[in-house]
């Protein structure tokens, strides 16, 4: 009897242990299942949030792109209207001159007939640098906390001894009448070397003249004498101030550089996008900067001081501008 009771107790213990073990296994499975569900829900929430963020980012980029496109379209329309207005004024002036010529003597009529017809485009040319640098600073762009020197002294010819500010003004002064003969209205930011005009002020001068393009003329320098050739700088598309002009500025740069190098035989070093140039970041039109050649290279330096070569330089730049507007 006692042995039978003992067996029953053992059986009860075994069964109880088995039930407890089974319960633990079930609990573990339920717990794992719950954890898996919670993990799945969390991953889904993260995925949903990521998709939501990506969609918001995509929409924000689209909004910025649309805004830039609208601003460019509006600016293009305003610029076109200004050109039409200038052409209307020119037409009235031509009609007046024609009527006046009918009543004037032969010499006067011939003089009026020789006048160049305006093509309606305005160009501002900035001969880079000046005889004395101004190291006081100005914001690199509107509202920027980053500041740079207002205008630096530039480089100089290691063979000829000519300074960059002298060369840039010489080329600008030769380029101006060539472009005017082709029908452009042309303004220079400076007519002498003894000035004090900051890079931002030069760009704002172009804005004030309502320029269709802004051409900055510079020359290059390097630590050694081997570097040679011409290049163009233009505002990068990522530029926070003038990125909207990047595409047109790149096209302008390409047209000028290709024509310039073709006319002079200068090595073509291509275009370089920039977003750190004060002289760009304040302007409100397509813009570019030509590095005419390396003043630290004996061949480039001597060529750029040769009068016949300078004519090729000027013709090349003018042909590039014609190509851009064609």
C-alpha atoms as a PDB file:
ATOM      1  CA  UNK A   1       0.000   0.000   0.000  1.00  0.00           C
ATOM      2  CA  UNK A   2       2.747   2.375   0.929  1.00  0.00           C
ATOM      3  CA  UNK A   3       4.645   1.477  -2.234  1.00  0.00           C
ATOM      4  CA  UNK A   4       1.580   2.218  -4.377  1.00  0.00           C
ATOM      5  CA  UNK A   5       1.113   5.584  -2.669  1.00  0.00           C
ATOM      6  CA  UNK A   6       4.759   6.396  -3.272  1.00  0.00           C
ATOM      7  CA  UNK A   7       4.433   5.600  -6.962  1.00  0.00           C
ATOM      8  CA  UNK A   8       1.410   7.828  -7.225  1.00  0.00           C
ATOM      9  CA  UNK A   9       3.277  10.693  -5.599  1.00  0.00           C
ATOM     10  CA  UNK A  10       6.186  10.247  -7.999  1.00  0.00           C
ATOM     11  CA  UNK A  11       3.763  10.179 -10.926  1.00  0.00           C
ATOM     12  CA  UNK A  12       2.096  13.375  -9.683  1.00  0.00           C
ATOM     13  CA  UNK A  13       5.474  15.075  -9.372  1.00  0.00           C
ATOM     14  CA  UNK A  14       6.538  13.988 -12.858  1.00  0.00           C
ATOM     15  CA  UNK A  15       3.249  15.110 -14.357  1.00  0.00           C
ATOM     16  CA  UNK A  16       3.465  18.418 -12.528  1.00  0.00           C
ATOM     17  CA  UNK A  17       7.017  18.962 -13.764  1.00  0.00           C
ATOM     18  CA  UNK A  18       5.938  18.077 -17.279  1.00  0.00           C
ATOM     19  CA  UNK A  19       3.042  20.521 -17.105  1.00  0.00           C
ATOM     20  CA  UNK A  20       5.324  23.262 -15.759  1.00  0.00           C
ATOM     21  CA  UNK A  21       7.905  22.600 -18.476  1.00  0.00           C
ATOM     22  CA  UNK A  22       5.219  22.657 -21.147  1.00  0.00           C
ATOM     23  CA  UNK A  23       3.852  25.891 -19.693  1.00  0.00           C
ATOM     24  CA  UNK A  24       7.347  27.428 -19.762  1.00  0.00           C
ATOM     25  CA  UNK A  25       7.797  26.385 -23.362  1.00  0.00           C
ATOM     26  CA  UNK A  26       4.405  27.824 -24.272  1.00  0.00           C
ATOM     27  CA  UNK A  27       5.151  31.021 -22.390  1.00  0.00           C
ATOM     28  CA  UNK A  28       8.490  31.330 -24.150  1.00  0.00           C
ATOM     29  CA  UNK A  29       6.877  30.813 -27.519  1.00  0.00           C
ATOM     30  CA  UNK A  30       4.179  33.369 -26.727  1.00  0.00           C
ATOM     31  CA  UNK A  31       6.801  35.823 -25.489  1.00  0.00           C
ATOM     32  CA  UNK A  32       8.920  35.345 -28.619  1.00  0.00           C
ATOM     33  CA  UNK A  33       5.855  35.771 -30.775  1.00  0.00           C
ATOM     34  CA  UNK A  34       4.921  38.977 -28.990  1.00  0.00           C
ATOM     35  CA  UNK A  35       8.470  40.263 -29.277  1.00  0.00           C
ATOM     36  CA  UNK A  36       8.540  39.436 -32.983  1.00  0.00           C
ATOM     37  CA  UNK A  37       5.253  41.256 -33.490  1.00  0.00           C
ATOM     38  CA  UNK A  38       6.517  44.263 -31.559  1.00  0.00           C
ATOM     39  CA  UNK A  39       9.738  44.251 -33.604  1.00  0.00           C
ATOM     40  CA  UNK A  40       7.761  44.013 -36.831  1.00  0.00           C
ATOM     41  CA  UNK A  41       5.535  46.900 -35.769  1.00  0.00           C
ATOM     42  CA  UNK A  42       8.573  48.975 -34.792  1.00  0.00           C
ATOM     43  CA  UNK A  43      10.325  48.207 -38.093  1.00  0.00           C
ATOM     44  CA  UNK A  44       7.154  49.110 -39.981  1.00  0.00           C
ATOM     45  CA  UNK A  45       6.880  52.380 -38.064  1.00  0.00           C
ATOM     46  CA  UNK A  46      10.527  53.157 -38.853  1.00  0.00           C
ATOM     47  CA  UNK A  47       9.987  52.286 -42.515  1.00  0.00           C
ATOM     48  CA  UNK A  48       6.856  54.431 -42.625  1.00  0.00           C
ATOM     49  CA  UNK A  49       8.681  57.328 -40.997  1.00  0.00           C
ATOM     50  CA  UNK A  50      11.599  56.927 -43.404  1.00  0.00           C
ATOM     51  CA  UNK A  51       9.234  56.873 -46.376  1.00  0.00           C
ATOM     52  CA  UNK A  52       7.424  59.890 -44.985  1.00  0.00           C
ATOM     53  CA  UNK A  53      10.719  61.748 -44.516  1.00  0.00           C
ATOM     54  CA  UNK A  54      11.936  60.819 -48.003  1.00  0.00           C
ATOM     55  CA  UNK A  55       8.662  61.986 -49.503  1.00  0.00           C
ATOM     56  CA  UNK A  56       8.866  65.265 -47.554  1.00  0.00           C
ATOM     57  CA  UNK A  57      12.484  65.724 -48.644  1.00  0.00           C
ATOM     58  CA  UNK A  58      11.539  64.981 -52.253  1.00  0.00           C
ATOM     59  CA  UNK A  59       8.671  67.469 -52.077  1.00  0.00           C
ATOM     60  CA  UNK A  60      10.909  70.098 -50.490  1.00  0.00           C
ATOM     61  CA  UNK A  61      13.484  69.678 -53.270  1.00  0.00           C
ATOM     62  CA  UNK A  62      10.724  69.907 -55.851  1.00  0.00           C
ATOM     63  CA  UNK A  63       9.383  73.059 -54.207  1.00  0.00           C
ATOM     64  CA  UNK A  64      12.849  74.634 -54.250  1.00  0.00           C
ATOM     65  CA  UNK A  65      13.359  73.580 -57.863  1.00  0.00           C
ATOM     66  CA  UNK A  66       9.947  74.937 -58.841  1.00  0.00           C
ATOM     67  CA  UNK A  67      10.657  78.196 -57.019  1.00  0.00           C
ATOM     68  CA  UNK A  68      13.993  78.607 -58.784  1.00  0.00           C
ATOM     69  CA  UNK A  69      12.340  77.836 -62.112  1.00  0.00           C
ATOM     70  CA  UNK A  70       9.585  80.386 -61.440  1.00  0.00           C
ATOM     71  CA  UNK A  71      12.119  83.018 -60.428  1.00  0.00           C
ATOM     72  CA  UNK A  72      14.217  82.359 -63.540  1.00  0.00           C
ATOM     73  CA  UNK A  73      11.117  82.441 -65.737  1.00  0.00           C
ATOM     74  CA  UNK A  74       9.971  85.701 -64.172  1.00  0.00           C
ATOM     75  CA  UNK A  75      13.438  87.208 -64.460  1.00  0.00           C
ATOM     76  CA  UNK A  76      13.690  86.081 -68.091  1.00  0.00           C
ATOM     77  CA  UNK A  77      10.323  87.677 -68.828  1.00  0.00           C
ATOM     78  CA  UNK A  78      11.363  90.913 -67.132  1.00  0.00           C
ATOM     79  CA  UNK A  79      14.680  90.918 -68.965  1.00  0.00           C
ATOM     80  CA  UNK A  80      12.921  90.280 -72.283  1.00  0.00           C
ATOM     81  CA  UNK A  81      10.556  93.158 -71.591  1.00  0.00           C
ATOM     82  CA  UNK A  82      13.478  95.441 -70.794  1.00  0.00           C
ATOM     83  CA  UNK A  83      15.158  94.445 -74.051  1.00  0.00           C
ATOM     84  CA  UNK A  84      11.938  95.089 -75.978  1.00  0.00           C
ATOM     85  CA  UNK A  85      11.673  98.480 -74.305  1.00  0.00           C
ATOM     86  CA  UNK A  86      15.248  99.336 -75.239  1.00  0.00           C
ATOM     87  CA  UNK A  87      14.579  98.246 -78.822  1.00  0.00           C
ATOM     88  CA  UNK A  88      11.397 100.341 -78.919  1.00  0.00           C
ATOM     89  CA  UNK A  89      13.372 103.345 -77.711  1.00  0.00           C
ATOM     90  CA  UNK A  90      16.084 102.613 -80.258  1.00  0.00           C
ATOM     91  CA  UNK A  91      13.433 102.384 -82.970  1.00  0.00           C
ATOM     92  CA  UNK A  92      12.042 105.789 -81.971  1.00  0.00           C
ATOM     93  CA  UNK A  93      15.546 107.259 -81.917  1.00  0.00           C
ATOM     94  CA  UNK A  94      16.322 105.754 -85.336  1.00  0.00           C
ATOM     95  CA  UNK A  95      13.102 107.199 -86.745  1.00  0.00           C
ATOM     96  CA  UNK A  96      13.958 110.600 -85.290  1.00  0.00           C
ATOM     97  CA  UNK A  97      17.496 110.418 -86.657  1.00  0.00           C
ATOM     98  CA  UNK A  98      16.165 109.409 -90.074  1.00  0.00           C
ATOM     99  CA  UNK A  99      13.740 112.334 -90.152  1.00  0.00           C
ATOM    100  CA  UNK A 100      16.475 114.663 -88.964  1.00  0.00           C
ATOM    101  CA  UNK A 101      18.886 113.299 -91.552  1.00  0.00           C
ATOM    102  CA  UNK A 102      16.464 114.167 -94.355  1.00  0.00           C
ATOM    103  CA  UNK A 103      16.787 117.822 -93.487  1.00  0.00           C
ATOM    104  CA  UNK A 104      20.534 117.831 -92.780  1.00  0.00           C
ATOM    105  CA  UNK A 105      23.505 118.136 -95.123  1.00  0.00           C
ATOM    106  CA  UNK A 106      25.170 115.149 -96.798  1.00  0.00           C
ATOM    107  CA  UNK A 107      27.999 114.830 -94.282  1.00  0.00           C
ATOM    108  CA  UNK A 108      25.534 114.710 -91.389  1.00  0.00           C
ATOM    109  CA  UNK A 109      23.458 112.045 -93.166  1.00  0.00           C
ATOM    110  CA  UNK A 110      26.528 109.905 -93.732  1.00  0.00           C
ATOM    111  CA  UNK A 111      27.562 110.222 -90.090  1.00  0.00           C
ATOM    112  CA  UNK A 112      24.138 109.113 -88.870  1.00  0.00           C
ATOM    113  CA  UNK A 113      24.071 106.190 -91.300  1.00  0.00           C
ATOM    114  CA  UNK A 114      27.407 104.969 -89.950  1.00  0.00           C
ATOM    115  CA  UNK A 115      26.055 104.585 -86.413  1.00  0.00           C
ATOM    116  CA  UNK A 116      25.906 100.976 -85.182  1.00  0.00           C
ATOM    117  CA  UNK A 117      22.465  99.497 -84.632  1.00  0.00           C
ATOM    118  CA  UNK A 118      21.996  98.352 -81.032  1.00  0.00           C
ATOM    119  CA  UNK A 119      21.253  94.658 -80.523  1.00  0.00           C
ATOM    120  CA  UNK A 120      19.551  95.397 -77.201  1.00  0.00           C
ATOM    121  CA  UNK A 121      22.058  93.536 -74.991  1.00  0.00           C
ATOM    122  CA  UNK A 122      23.909  95.142 -72.091  1.00  0.00           C
ATOM    123  CA  UNK A 123      27.296  93.828 -70.939  1.00  0.00           C
ATOM    124  CA  UNK A 124      29.225  94.824 -67.839  1.00  0.00           C
ATOM    125  CA  UNK A 125      32.940  94.041 -67.874  1.00  0.00           C
ATOM    126  CA  UNK A 126      34.953  93.999 -64.668  1.00  0.00           C
ATOM    127  CA  UNK A 127      38.728  94.394 -65.118  1.00  0.00           C
ATOM    128  CA  UNK A 128      39.929  92.423 -62.099  1.00  0.00           C
ATOM    129  CA  UNK A 129      41.817  93.937 -59.152  1.00  0.00           C
ATOM    130  CA  UNK A 130      43.231  97.476 -58.820  1.00  0.00           C
ATOM    131  CA  UNK A 131      46.570  99.133 -58.121  1.00  0.00           C
ATOM    132  CA  UNK A 132      46.165  98.902 -54.329  1.00  0.00           C
ATOM    133  CA  UNK A 133      44.510  95.979 -52.531  1.00  0.00           C
ATOM    134  CA  UNK A 134      41.823  96.614 -49.923  1.00  0.00           C
ATOM    135  CA  UNK A 135      42.164  93.971 -47.201  1.00  0.00           C
ATOM    136  CA  UNK A 136      39.182  95.155 -45.167  1.00  0.00           C
ATOM    137  CA  UNK A 137      36.416  92.584 -45.412  1.00  0.00           C
ATOM    138  CA  UNK A 138      32.882  92.270 -46.769  1.00  0.00           C
ATOM    139  CA  UNK A 139      30.294  89.422 -46.709  1.00  0.00           C
ATOM    140  CA  UNK A 140      30.947  86.757 -49.342  1.00  0.00           C
ATOM    141  CA  UNK A 141      27.240  86.917 -50.218  1.00  0.00           C
ATOM    142  CA  UNK A 142      24.042  88.692 -49.097  1.00  0.00           C
ATOM    143  CA  UNK A 143      23.396  87.913 -45.428  1.00  0.00           C
ATOM    144  CA  UNK A 144      26.532  85.771 -45.056  1.00  0.00           C
ATOM    145  CA  UNK A 145      28.577  85.722 -41.853  1.00  0.00           C
ATOM    146  CA  UNK A 146      31.612  84.615 -43.873  1.00  0.00           C
ATOM    147  CA  UNK A 147      33.738  87.548 -44.960  1.00  0.00           C
ATOM    148  CA  UNK A 148      36.618  87.983 -47.400  1.00  0.00           C
ATOM    149  CA  UNK A 149      38.952  90.799 -48.408  1.00  0.00           C
ATOM    150  CA  UNK A 150      37.160  93.426 -50.500  1.00  0.00           C
ATOM    151  CA  UNK A 151      39.719  93.189 -53.303  1.00  0.00           C
ATOM    152  CA  UNK A 152      43.159  91.610 -53.508  1.00  0.00           C
ATOM    153  CA  UNK A 153      46.221  92.812 -55.388  1.00  0.00           C
ATOM    154  CA  UNK A 154      46.351  89.967 -57.912  1.00  0.00           C
ATOM    155  CA  UNK A 155      49.396  88.409 -59.542  1.00  0.00           C
ATOM    156  CA  UNK A 156      52.019  89.808 -61.941  1.00  0.00           C
ATOM    157  CA  UNK A 157      54.057  88.782 -64.945  1.00  0.00           C
ATOM    158  CA  UNK A 158      57.253  87.056 -63.844  1.00  0.00           C
ATOM    159  CA  UNK A 159      58.768  87.713 -67.286  1.00  0.00           C
ATOM    160  CA  UNK A 160      57.277  91.064 -68.304  1.00  0.00           C
ATOM    161  CA  UNK A 161      56.809  92.571 -64.844  1.00  0.00           C
ATOM    162  CA  UNK A 162      53.293  93.717 -65.790  1.00  0.00           C
ATOM    163  CA  UNK A 163      50.711  93.506 -63.008  1.00  0.00           C
ATOM    164  CA  UNK A 164      47.422  91.666 -63.375  1.00  0.00           C
ATOM    165  CA  UNK A 165      45.358  94.806 -62.725  1.00  0.00           C
ATOM    166  CA  UNK A 166      47.175  96.516 -65.617  1.00  0.00           C
ATOM    167  CA  UNK A 167      46.631  93.643 -68.055  1.00  0.00           C
ATOM    168  CA  UNK A 168      42.945  93.208 -67.194  1.00  0.00           C
ATOM    169  CA  UNK A 169      42.197  96.895 -67.749  1.00  0.00           C
ATOM    170  CA  UNK A 170      44.114  96.906 -71.043  1.00  0.00           C
ATOM    171  CA  UNK A 171      42.081  93.971 -72.382  1.00  0.00           C
ATOM    172  CA  UNK A 172      38.788  95.381 -71.058  1.00  0.00           C
ATOM    173  CA  UNK A 173      39.416  98.758 -72.690  1.00  0.00           C
ATOM    174  CA  UNK A 174      40.183  97.067 -76.014  1.00  0.00           C
ATOM    175  CA  UNK A 175      37.176  94.735 -75.726  1.00  0.00           C
ATOM    176  CA  UNK A 176      34.667  97.495 -75.032  1.00  0.00           C
ATOM    177  CA  UNK A 177      34.767  99.240 -78.454  1.00  0.00           C
ATOM    178  CA  UNK A 178      34.858  95.891 -80.280  1.00  0.00           C
ATOM    179  CA  UNK A 179      31.639  94.832 -78.577  1.00  0.00           C
ATOM    180  CA  UNK A 180      30.081  98.257 -79.108  1.00  0.00           C
ATOM    181  CA  UNK A 181      30.829  97.954 -82.833  1.00  0.00           C
ATOM    182  CA  UNK A 182      28.845  94.689 -82.726  1.00  0.00           C
ATOM    183  CA  UNK A 183      25.820  96.460 -81.242  1.00  0.00           C
ATOM    184  CA  UNK A 184      26.275  95.834 -77.514  1.00  0.00           C
ATOM    185  CA  UNK A 185      25.935  98.437 -74.798  1.00  0.00           C
ATOM    186  CA  UNK A 186      29.057  98.035 -72.659  1.00  0.00           C
ATOM    187  CA  UNK A 187      30.050  99.359 -69.229  1.00  0.00           C
ATOM    188  CA  UNK A 188      33.339  98.891 -67.364  1.00  0.00           C
ATOM    189  CA  UNK A 189      33.372  98.725 -63.583  1.00  0.00           C
ATOM    190  CA  UNK A 190      36.559 100.794 -63.654  1.00  0.00           C
ATOM    191  CA  UNK A 191      38.404 102.928 -66.217  1.00  0.00           C
ATOM    192  CA  UNK A 192      41.633 103.393 -64.284  1.00  0.00           C
ATOM    193  CA  UNK A 193      43.867 101.449 -61.915  1.00  0.00           C
ATOM    194  CA  UNK A 194      43.764 104.033 -59.142  1.00  0.00           C
ATOM    195  CA  UNK A 195      40.353 103.085 -57.726  1.00  0.00           C
ATOM    196  CA  UNK A 196      38.955 101.380 -54.635  1.00  0.00           C
ATOM    197  CA  UNK A 197      35.998  99.207 -55.640  1.00  0.00           C
ATOM    198  CA  UNK A 198      35.171  96.006 -53.768  1.00  0.00           C
ATOM    199  CA  UNK A 199      34.129  92.780 -55.462  1.00  0.00           C
ATOM    200  CA  UNK A 200      30.583  93.099 -54.110  1.00  0.00           C
ATOM    201  CA  UNK A 201      30.360  96.688 -55.363  1.00  0.00           C
ATOM    202  CA  UNK A 202      31.460  95.579 -58.824  1.00  0.00           C
ATOM    203  CA  UNK A 203      28.724  92.946 -58.959  1.00  0.00           C
ATOM    204  CA  UNK A 204      26.162  95.462 -57.723  1.00  0.00           C
ATOM    205  CA  UNK A 205      27.308  97.854 -60.451  1.00  0.00           C
ATOM    206  CA  UNK A 206      26.340  95.172 -62.979  1.00  0.00           C
ATOM    207  CA  UNK A 207      22.944  94.889 -61.266  1.00  0.00           C
ATOM    208  CA  UNK A 208      22.454  98.657 -61.426  1.00  0.00           C
ATOM    209  CA  UNK A 209      23.219  98.651 -65.166  1.00  0.00           C
ATOM    210  CA  UNK A 210      20.648  95.878 -65.678  1.00  0.00           C
ATOM    211  CA  UNK A 211      23.302  93.820 -67.463  1.00  0.00           C
ATOM    212  CA  UNK A 212      22.407  90.756 -69.506  1.00  0.00           C
ATOM    213  CA  UNK A 213      25.790  89.210 -68.710  1.00  0.00           C
ATOM    214  CA  UNK A 214      28.599  90.061 -66.302  1.00  0.00           C
ATOM    215  CA  UNK A 215      32.136  89.299 -67.524  1.00  0.00           C
ATOM    216  CA  UNK A 216      35.016  89.403 -65.058  1.00  0.00           C
ATOM    217  CA  UNK A 217      38.515  89.530 -66.550  1.00  0.00           C
ATOM    218  CA  UNK A 218      41.468  88.106 -64.603  1.00  0.00           C
ATOM    219  CA  UNK A 219      44.815  86.396 -65.200  1.00  0.00           C
ATOM    220  CA  UNK A 220      46.224  83.373 -63.432  1.00  0.00           C
ATOM    221  CA  UNK A 221      49.314  82.717 -61.348  1.00  0.00           C
ATOM    222  CA  UNK A 222      50.991  79.588 -59.996  1.00  0.00           C
ATOM    223  CA  UNK A 223      53.868  78.645 -57.734  1.00  0.00           C
ATOM    224  CA  UNK A 224      55.911  77.340 -60.662  1.00  0.00           C
ATOM    225  CA  UNK A 225      56.398  78.419 -64.260  1.00  0.00           C
ATOM    226  CA  UNK A 226      55.070  75.334 -66.051  1.00  0.00           C
ATOM    227  CA  UNK A 227      51.319  75.930 -65.608  1.00  0.00           C
ATOM    228  CA  UNK A 228      49.809  77.538 -68.707  1.00  0.00           C
ATOM    229  CA  UNK A 229      46.507  78.041 -70.469  1.00  0.00           C
ATOM    230  CA  UNK A 230      43.133  79.718 -70.013  1.00  0.00           C
ATOM    231  CA  UNK A 231      40.135  78.715 -67.922  1.00  0.00           C
ATOM    232  CA  UNK A 232      36.715  80.005 -66.903  1.00  0.00           C
ATOM    233  CA  UNK A 233      35.092  80.179 -63.477  1.00  0.00           C
ATOM    234  CA  UNK A 234      31.320  80.270 -63.047  1.00  0.00           C
ATOM    235  CA  UNK A 235      28.838  79.890 -60.140  1.00  0.00           C
ATOM    236  CA  UNK A 236      28.113  76.306 -59.078  1.00  0.00           C
ATOM    237  CA  UNK A 237      24.544  75.000 -59.203  1.00  0.00           C
ATOM    238  CA  UNK A 238      24.756  74.423 -55.432  1.00  0.00           C
ATOM    239  CA  UNK A 239      25.552  78.106 -54.824  1.00  0.00           C
ATOM    240  CA  UNK A 240      23.023  79.389 -52.269  1.00  0.00           C
ATOM    241  CA  UNK A 241      22.924  82.864 -53.791  1.00  0.00           C
ATOM    242  CA  UNK A 242      23.318  82.522 -57.557  1.00  0.00           C
ATOM    243  CA  UNK A 243      22.896  78.794 -58.251  1.00  0.00           C
ATOM    244  CA  UNK A 244      19.913  79.623 -60.435  1.00  0.00           C
ATOM    245  CA  UNK A 245      22.264  81.287 -62.937  1.00  0.00           C
ATOM    246  CA  UNK A 246      24.675  78.342 -63.034  1.00  0.00           C
ATOM    247  CA  UNK A 247      23.407  76.689 -66.216  1.00  0.00           C
ATOM    248  CA  UNK A 248      23.403  79.885 -68.324  1.00  0.00           C
ATOM    249  CA  UNK A 249      26.729  80.948 -66.795  1.00  0.00           C
ATOM    250  CA  UNK A 250      28.315  77.621 -67.708  1.00  0.00           C
ATOM    251  CA  UNK A 251      27.071  77.965 -71.294  1.00  0.00           C
ATOM    252  CA  UNK A 252      28.443  81.516 -71.439  1.00  0.00           C
ATOM    253  CA  UNK A 253      31.773  80.277 -70.052  1.00  0.00           C
ATOM    254  CA  UNK A 254      32.023  77.465 -72.585  1.00  0.00           C
ATOM    255  CA  UNK A 255      31.194  79.737 -75.524  1.00  0.00           C
ATOM    256  CA  UNK A 256      33.782  82.340 -74.530  1.00  0.00           C
ATOM    257  CA  UNK A 257      36.548  79.891 -73.594  1.00  0.00           C
ATOM    258  CA  UNK A 258      36.206  77.805 -76.769  1.00  0.00           C
ATOM    259  CA  UNK A 259      36.300  80.917 -78.967  1.00  0.00           C
ATOM    260  CA  UNK A 260      39.139  82.475 -76.970  1.00  0.00           C
ATOM    261  CA  UNK A 261      41.346  79.402 -77.157  1.00  0.00           C
ATOM    262  CA  UNK A 262      40.535  78.930 -80.847  1.00  0.00           C
ATOM    263  CA  UNK A 263      41.524  82.535 -81.623  1.00  0.00           C
ATOM    264  CA  UNK A 264      44.704  82.595 -79.513  1.00  0.00           C
ATOM    265  CA  UNK A 265      45.912  79.003 -79.527  1.00  0.00           C
ATOM    266  CA  UNK A 266      45.910  79.121 -75.725  1.00  0.00           C
ATOM    267  CA  UNK A 267      45.603  75.771 -73.928  1.00  0.00           C
ATOM    268  CA  UNK A 268      41.972  75.152 -72.891  1.00  0.00           C
ATOM    269  CA  UNK A 269      41.817  74.253 -69.176  1.00  0.00           C
ATOM    270  CA  UNK A 270      38.011  74.092 -69.079  1.00  0.00           C
ATOM    271  CA  UNK A 271      35.361  75.499 -66.735  1.00  0.00           C
ATOM    272  CA  UNK A 272      35.409  75.382 -62.949  1.00  0.00           C
ATOM    273  CA  UNK A 273      32.241  75.855 -60.823  1.00  0.00           C
ATOM    274  CA  UNK A 274      32.671  77.987 -57.694  1.00  0.00           C
ATOM    275  CA  UNK A 275      30.436  79.033 -54.815  1.00  0.00           C
ATOM    276  CA  UNK A 276      32.874  81.097 -52.730  1.00  0.00           C
ATOM    277  CA  UNK A 277      33.441  84.151 -54.933  1.00  0.00           C
ATOM    278  CA  UNK A 278      32.092  87.465 -53.658  1.00  0.00           C
ATOM    279  CA  UNK A 279      32.235  88.911 -57.172  1.00  0.00           C
ATOM    280  CA  UNK A 280      29.678  86.292 -58.265  1.00  0.00           C
ATOM    281  CA  UNK A 281      27.465  86.008 -55.211  1.00  0.00           C
ATOM    282  CA  UNK A 282      26.074  89.546 -55.350  1.00  0.00           C
ATOM    283  CA  UNK A 283      25.258  89.554 -59.083  1.00  0.00           C
ATOM    284  CA  UNK A 284      21.804  88.920 -60.566  1.00  0.00           C
ATOM    285  CA  UNK A 285      22.475  87.724 -64.109  1.00  0.00           C
ATOM    286  CA  UNK A 286      24.501  85.050 -65.934  1.00  0.00           C
ATOM    287  CA  UNK A 287      28.167  85.637 -65.108  1.00  0.00           C
ATOM    288  CA  UNK A 288      31.617  84.254 -65.738  1.00  0.00           C
ATOM    289  CA  UNK A 289      35.273  84.954 -64.995  1.00  0.00           C
ATOM    290  CA  UNK A 290      37.983  84.379 -67.574  1.00  0.00           C
ATOM    291  CA  UNK A 291      41.522  83.593 -66.492  1.00  0.00           C
ATOM    292  CA  UNK A 292      43.299  84.905 -69.608  1.00  0.00           C
ATOM    293  CA  UNK A 293      46.463  82.871 -69.046  1.00  0.00           C
ATOM    294  CA  UNK A 294      49.231  82.321 -66.518  1.00  0.00           C
ATOM    295  CA  UNK A 295      51.347  85.411 -65.857  1.00  0.00           C
ATOM    296  CA  UNK A 296      53.802  83.080 -64.102  1.00  0.00           C
ATOM    297  CA  UNK A 297      54.388  81.198 -67.370  1.00  0.00           C
ATOM    298  CA  UNK A 298      56.980  82.927 -69.626  1.00  0.00           C
ATOM    299  CA  UNK A 299      55.173  82.088 -72.890  1.00  0.00           C
ATOM    300  CA  UNK A 300      51.687  83.067 -71.681  1.00  0.00           C
ATOM    301  CA  UNK A 301      53.088  86.193 -70.035  1.00  0.00           C
ATOM    302  CA  UNK A 302      54.919  87.420 -73.138  1.00  0.00           C
ATOM    303  CA  UNK A 303      52.000  86.584 -75.439  1.00  0.00           C
ATOM    304  CA  UNK A 304      49.501  88.493 -73.312  1.00  0.00           C
ATOM    305  CA  UNK A 305      51.651  91.624 -73.581  1.00  0.00           C
ATOM    306  CA  UNK A 306      51.996  91.406 -77.355  1.00  0.00           C
ATOM    307  CA  UNK A 307      49.669  93.876 -79.109  1.00  0.00           C
ATOM    308  CA  UNK A 308      48.805  91.564 -82.014  1.00  0.00           C
ATOM    309  CA  UNK A 309      48.127  88.703 -79.606  1.00  0.00           C
ATOM    310  CA  UNK A 310      45.905  90.980 -77.522  1.00  0.00           C
ATOM    311  CA  UNK A 311      43.788  91.592 -80.627  1.00  0.00           C
ATOM    312  CA  UNK A 312      43.297  87.826 -80.899  1.00  0.00           C
ATOM    313  CA  UNK A 313      42.353  87.669 -77.206  1.00  0.00           C
ATOM    314  CA  UNK A 314      39.753  90.396 -77.626  1.00  0.00           C
ATOM    315  CA  UNK A 315      38.345  88.915 -80.836  1.00  0.00           C
ATOM    316  CA  UNK A 316      38.053  85.487 -79.222  1.00  0.00           C
ATOM    317  CA  UNK A 317      36.139  86.832 -76.230  1.00  0.00           C
ATOM    318  CA  UNK A 318      33.830  88.899 -78.436  1.00  0.00           C
ATOM    319  CA  UNK A 319      33.136  85.935 -80.724  1.00  0.00           C
ATOM    320  CA  UNK A 320      32.240  83.826 -77.686  1.00  0.00           C
ATOM    321  CA  UNK A 321      29.777  86.455 -76.478  1.00  0.00           C
ATOM    322  CA  UNK A 322      28.218  86.587 -79.949  1.00  0.00           C
ATOM    323  CA  UNK A 323      27.855  82.798 -79.874  1.00  0.00           C
ATOM    324  CA  UNK A 324      26.148  82.941 -76.467  1.00  0.00           C
ATOM    325  CA  UNK A 325      23.541  85.425 -77.673  1.00  0.00           C
ATOM    326  CA  UNK A 326      23.001  83.757 -81.050  1.00  0.00           C
END
